[in-house]
Amino acid sequence: MRQAIERQLNKVELANRFTRAVAVGNPREFTQAEKEEQEIAEACNRLIKNSIICWNYLYLAHQLEKAPDEETRENLRRTIAAHAPMAWAHINMLGEYDFSEDKLRDALGILPLKSTA
């Protein structure tokens, strides 16, 4: 039981570190004066965190698809199940991002959804 509690506490600590990594400045202080501005800032942070987690799941699904054999795929599944998808070391949190059409081409081969229109 102690180990299960420690694992859960580790996940909580990981979530707290993830929140601090996404937040600019001191995440424990609101720099916005109005409650509405604070809520917008918090919603933006939540959107960024969810986007990173979504990207991680897409990447892991892609890795599962291209696994060469069933044994490798099963090992990868076990590893994924044992870990939280809150990894951010591969994200440049202070970078400048270009979302132009030319730059939106994915180097990993994860294609955007096809438009039904």
Protein backbone atom coordinates (compact mmCIF):
# COMPACT_ATOMS: atom_id res chain seq x y z
CA MET A 1 0.00 0.00 0.00
CA ARG A 2 2.88 2.35 0.81
CA GLN A 3 4.32 1.84 -2.69
CA ALA A 4 0.97 2.62 -4.30
CA ILE A 5 0.73 5.84 -2.29
CA GLU A 6 4.30 6.80 -3.24
CA ARG A 7 3.55 6.18 -6.93
CA GLN A 8 0.49 8.42 -6.71
CA LEU A 9 2.48 11.13 -4.92
CA ASN A 10 5.14 10.92 -7.64
CA LYS A 11 2.45 11.51 -10.28
CA VAL A 12 1.18 14.53 -8.37
CA GLU A 13 4.71 15.93 -8.07
CA LEU A 14 5.24 15.33 -11.80
CA ALA A 15 2.03 17.26 -12.55
CA ASN A 16 3.23 20.12 -10.32
CA ARG A 17 6.61 20.24 -12.08
CA PHE A 18 4.84 20.18 -15.45
CA THR A 19 2.69 23.16 -14.39
CA ARG A 20 5.78 25.08 -13.27
CA ALA A 21 7.56 24.30 -16.55
CA VAL A 22 4.67 25.63 -18.64
CA ALA A 23 4.09 28.75 -16.57
CA VAL A 24 6.20 31.79 -17.38
CA GLY A 25 7.68 33.47 -14.33
CA ASN A 26 6.47 32.37 -10.94
CA PRO A 27 3.44 30.06 -11.40
CA ARG A 28 2.33 30.64 -7.82
CA GLU A 29 1.72 34.34 -8.43
CA PHE A 30 -0.88 35.92 -10.68
CA THR A 31 0.49 38.89 -12.60
CA GLN A 32 -3.00 39.78 -13.81
CA ALA A 33 -5.03 42.08 -11.60
CA GLU A 34 -8.54 41.15 -12.73
CA LYS A 35 -10.14 37.77 -12.03
CA GLU A 36 -11.18 37.41 -15.68
CA GLU A 37 -7.57 37.92 -16.83
CA GLN A 38 -6.39 35.36 -14.27
CA GLU A 39 -8.91 32.84 -15.61
CA ILE A 40 -7.75 33.48 -19.19
CA ALA A 41 -4.12 32.97 -18.17
CA GLU A 42 -4.98 29.73 -16.36
CA ALA A 43 -6.99 28.50 -19.36
CA CYS A 44 -4.02 29.24 -21.65
CA ASN A 45 -1.69 27.26 -19.38
CA ARG A 46 -4.15 24.36 -19.33
CA LEU A 47 -4.41 24.48 -23.15
CA ILE A 48 -0.63 24.37 -23.51
CA LYS A 49 -0.33 21.43 -21.11
CA ASN A 50 -3.13 19.52 -22.83
CA SER A 51 -1.55 20.19 -26.23
CA ILE A 52 1.77 18.77 -25.05
CA ILE A 53 0.08 15.68 -23.61
CA CYS A 54 -1.92 15.22 -26.82
CA TRP A 55 1.27 15.47 -28.88
CA ASN A 56 2.93 12.89 -26.63
CA TYR A 57 0.03 10.47 -27.14
CA LEU A 58 0.14 11.00 -30.92
CA TYR A 59 3.87 10.35 -30.93
CA LEU A 60 3.52 7.21 -28.80
CA ALA A 61 0.71 5.90 -31.03
CA HIS A 62 2.94 6.50 -34.03
CA GLN A 63 5.76 4.58 -32.35
CA LEU A 64 3.40 1.68 -31.63
CA GLU A 65 2.29 1.57 -35.26
CA LYS A 66 5.82 1.38 -36.60
CA ALA A 67 7.07 -1.19 -34.06
CA PRO A 68 8.71 -4.00 -36.05
CA ASP A 69 7.14 -6.94 -34.21
CA GLU A 70 4.51 -7.85 -31.62
CA GLU A 71 7.03 -8.34 -28.81
CA THR A 72 8.42 -4.83 -29.26
CA ARG A 73 4.88 -3.46 -29.47
CA GLU A 74 3.88 -5.23 -26.24
CA ASN A 75 7.00 -3.95 -24.42
CA LEU A 76 6.18 -0.44 -25.58
CA ARG A 77 2.57 -0.82 -24.41
CA ARG A 78 3.73 -1.88 -20.95
CA THR A 79 6.16 1.03 -20.76
CA ILE A 80 3.46 3.50 -21.81
CA ALA A 81 1.00 2.09 -19.28
CA ALA A 82 3.54 2.40 -16.46
CA HIS A 83 4.40 6.06 -17.10
CA ALA A 84 2.54 9.34 -17.25
CA PRO A 85 2.43 11.17 -20.60
CA MET A 86 3.49 14.45 -18.95
CA ALA A 87 6.92 14.75 -20.54
CA TRP A 88 8.10 18.13 -21.73
CA ALA A 89 11.88 17.94 -22.09
CA HIS A 90 11.43 17.78 -25.88
CA ILE A 91 9.50 21.07 -25.89
CA ASN A 92 11.27 24.43 -26.11
CA MET A 93 9.14 26.39 -23.66
CA LEU A 94 10.87 29.69 -24.39
CA GLY A 95 11.09 29.29 -28.14
CA GLU A 96 9.58 31.22 -30.97
CA TYR A 97 7.16 29.20 -33.05
CA ASP A 98 6.25 29.56 -36.72
CA PHE A 99 2.82 28.18 -37.66
CA SER A 100 2.94 29.13 -41.32
CA GLU A 101 1.77 26.56 -43.90
CA ASP A 102 5.33 25.69 -44.93
CA LYS A 103 6.41 25.05 -41.35
CA LEU A 104 3.35 22.96 -40.48
CA ARG A 105 4.65 19.98 -42.44
CA ASP A 106 5.42 17.28 -39.92
CA ALA A 107 8.87 15.69 -39.97
CA LEU A 108 7.59 12.61 -38.10
CA GLY A 109 4.95 11.75 -40.65
CA ILE A 110 1.97 12.34 -38.37
CA LEU A 111 -0.33 13.91 -40.89
CA PRO A 112 -3.07 16.42 -40.06
CA LEU A 113 -6.69 15.32 -40.24
CA LYS A 114 -8.13 15.41 -43.72
CA SER A 115 -10.77 18.04 -44.32
CA THR A 116 -14.21 16.64 -45.16
CA ALA A 117 -15.22 19.80 -47.03
